[in-house]
Amino acid sequence: MLTALVGPRTAPFTLTSVTAPGVVRTYTAWHQLTLENMDARVWLGIHTRLADEAGVKLGTDVAKYGLNHAQSLFQEH
């Protein structure tokens, strides 16, 4: 959704985490954040790679549907 609304690249932005004090991650594209999040969930044993890939695909499909049908989704019936 962010890529569709503002483009694939962004000014560098950083994220920190209360569970990893002192760790700062810097990104210049939304997709980098997606890939790193997938890796972290696999490495932590939360999900399998296949599950994360399926989740990203589902999220992408839902975002595309929402963007393609935004006008009808927000009309009063």
C-alpha atoms as a PDB file:
ATOM      1  CA  MET A   1       0.000   0.000   0.000  1.00  0.00           C
ATOM      2  CA  LEU A   2       2.791   2.426   0.881  1.00  0.00           C
ATOM      3  CA  THR A   3       4.559   1.730  -2.417  1.00  0.00           C
ATOM      4  CA  ALA A   4       1.346   2.392  -4.339  1.00  0.00           C
ATOM      5  CA  LEU A   5       0.676   5.640  -2.491  1.00  0.00           C
ATOM      6  CA  VAL A   6       4.156   7.178  -2.241  1.00  0.00           C
ATOM      7  CA  GLY A   7       6.379   5.098  -4.527  1.00  0.00           C
ATOM      8  CA  PRO A   8       8.899   2.330  -3.908  1.00  0.00           C
ATOM      9  CA  ARG A   9      11.674   4.556  -2.565  1.00  0.00           C
ATOM     10  CA  THR A  10      11.606   6.948   0.297  1.00  0.00           C
ATOM     11  CA  ALA A  11      14.000   9.224   2.088  1.00  0.00           C
ATOM     12  CA  PRO A  12      16.057   7.152   4.504  1.00  0.00           C
ATOM     13  CA  PHE A  13      14.142   6.438   7.686  1.00  0.00           C
ATOM     14  CA  THR A  14      15.174   4.629  10.837  1.00  0.00           C
ATOM     15  CA  LEU A  15      13.364   2.336  13.229  1.00  0.00           C
ATOM     16  CA  THR A  16      14.247   1.231  16.723  1.00  0.00           C
ATOM     17  CA  SER A  17      12.773  -1.400  18.990  1.00  0.00           C
ATOM     18  CA  VAL A  18      12.226  -1.561  22.744  1.00  0.00           C
ATOM     19  CA  THR A  19      13.123  -5.260  22.569  1.00  0.00           C
ATOM     20  CA  ALA A  20      16.510  -4.530  20.949  1.00  0.00           C
ATOM     21  CA  PRO A  21      17.895  -1.493  22.811  1.00  0.00           C
ATOM     22  CA  GLY A  22      20.510   0.424  20.865  1.00  0.00           C
ATOM     23  CA  VAL A  23      19.727  -1.281  17.552  1.00  0.00           C
ATOM     24  CA  VAL A  24      18.809   1.155  14.808  1.00  0.00           C
ATOM     25  CA  ARG A  25      17.764  -0.059  11.352  1.00  0.00           C
ATOM     26  CA  THR A  26      17.763   2.286   8.352  1.00  0.00           C
ATOM     27  CA  TYR A  27      15.682   1.749   5.218  1.00  0.00           C
ATOM     28  CA  THR A  28      15.308   3.547   1.889  1.00  0.00           C
ATOM     29  CA  ALA A  29      12.530   1.391   0.417  1.00  0.00           C
ATOM     30  CA  TRP A  30       9.387  -0.096   1.906  1.00  0.00           C
ATOM     31  CA  HIS A  31      10.233  -3.482   0.423  1.00  0.00           C
ATOM     32  CA  GLN A  32      13.445  -3.645   2.500  1.00  0.00           C
ATOM     33  CA  LEU A  33      11.355  -3.433   5.628  1.00  0.00           C
ATOM     34  CA  THR A  34       9.061  -6.211   4.412  1.00  0.00           C
ATOM     35  CA  LEU A  35      11.968  -8.545   3.621  1.00  0.00           C
ATOM     36  CA  GLU A  36      13.699  -7.889   6.930  1.00  0.00           C
ATOM     37  CA  ASN A  37      10.474  -8.466   8.840  1.00  0.00           C
ATOM     38  CA  MET A  38       9.986 -11.784   7.028  1.00  0.00           C
ATOM     39  CA  ASP A  39      13.537 -12.853   7.875  1.00  0.00           C
ATOM     40  CA  ALA A  40      13.123 -11.939  11.536  1.00  0.00           C
ATOM     41  CA  ARG A  41       9.914 -13.949  11.875  1.00  0.00           C
ATOM     42  CA  VAL A  42      11.558 -16.999  10.292  1.00  0.00           C
ATOM     43  CA  TRP A  43      14.726 -16.699  12.404  1.00  0.00           C
ATOM     44  CA  LEU A  44      12.644 -16.385  15.580  1.00  0.00           C
ATOM     45  CA  GLY A  45      10.675 -19.495  14.657  1.00  0.00           C
ATOM     46  CA  ILE A  46       7.379 -17.594  14.610  1.00  0.00           C
ATOM     47  CA  HIS A  47       6.540 -18.529  11.006  1.00  0.00           C
ATOM     48  CA  THR A  48       7.971 -20.501   8.137  1.00  0.00           C
ATOM     49  CA  ARG A  49       9.306 -18.704   5.062  1.00  0.00           C
ATOM     50  CA  LEU A  50       6.368 -20.066   3.057  1.00  0.00           C
ATOM     51  CA  ALA A  51       3.870 -18.675   5.574  1.00  0.00           C
ATOM     52  CA  ASP A  52       5.507 -15.255   5.485  1.00  0.00           C
ATOM     53  CA  GLU A  53       5.596 -15.231   1.679  1.00  0.00           C
ATOM     54  CA  ALA A  54       1.914 -16.165   1.619  1.00  0.00           C
ATOM     55  CA  GLY A  55       1.169 -13.375   4.110  1.00  0.00           C
ATOM     56  CA  VAL A  56       2.968 -10.790   1.988  1.00  0.00           C
ATOM     57  CA  LYS A  57       1.099 -11.976  -1.117  1.00  0.00           C
ATOM     58  CA  LEU A  58      -2.238 -11.818   0.695  1.00  0.00           C
ATOM     59  CA  GLY A  59      -1.467  -8.338   2.013  1.00  0.00           C
ATOM     60  CA  THR A  60      -0.441  -7.206  -1.466  1.00  0.00           C
ATOM     61  CA  ASP A  61      -3.622  -8.638  -2.986  1.00  0.00           C
ATOM     62  CA  VAL A  62      -5.813  -6.953  -0.348  1.00  0.00           C
ATOM     63  CA  ALA A  63      -4.023  -3.624  -0.867  1.00  0.00           C
ATOM     64  CA  LYS A  64      -4.449  -3.858  -4.650  1.00  0.00           C
ATOM     65  CA  TYR A  65      -8.138  -4.679  -4.250  1.00  0.00           C
ATOM     66  CA  GLY A  66      -8.602  -1.756  -1.891  1.00  0.00           C
ATOM     67  CA  LEU A  67      -6.844   0.645  -4.235  1.00  0.00           C
ATOM     68  CA  ASN A  68      -8.760  -0.626  -7.281  1.00  0.00           C
ATOM     69  CA  HIS A  69     -12.118  -0.407  -5.504  1.00  0.00           C
ATOM     70  CA  ALA A  70     -11.541   2.559  -3.191  1.00  0.00           C
ATOM     71  CA  GLN A  71     -14.280   4.677  -4.673  1.00  0.00           C
ATOM     72  CA  SER A  72     -16.970   2.015  -4.299  1.00  0.00           C
ATOM     73  CA  LEU A  73     -15.719   0.976  -0.861  1.00  0.00           C
ATOM     74  CA  PHE A  74     -16.214   4.479   0.514  1.00  0.00           C
ATOM     75  CA  GLN A  75     -19.518   5.348  -1.142  1.00  0.00           C
ATOM     76  CA  GLU A  76     -22.617   5.497   0.975  1.00  0.00           C
ATOM     77  CA  HIS A  77     -25.221   2.940  -0.032  1.00  0.00           C
END
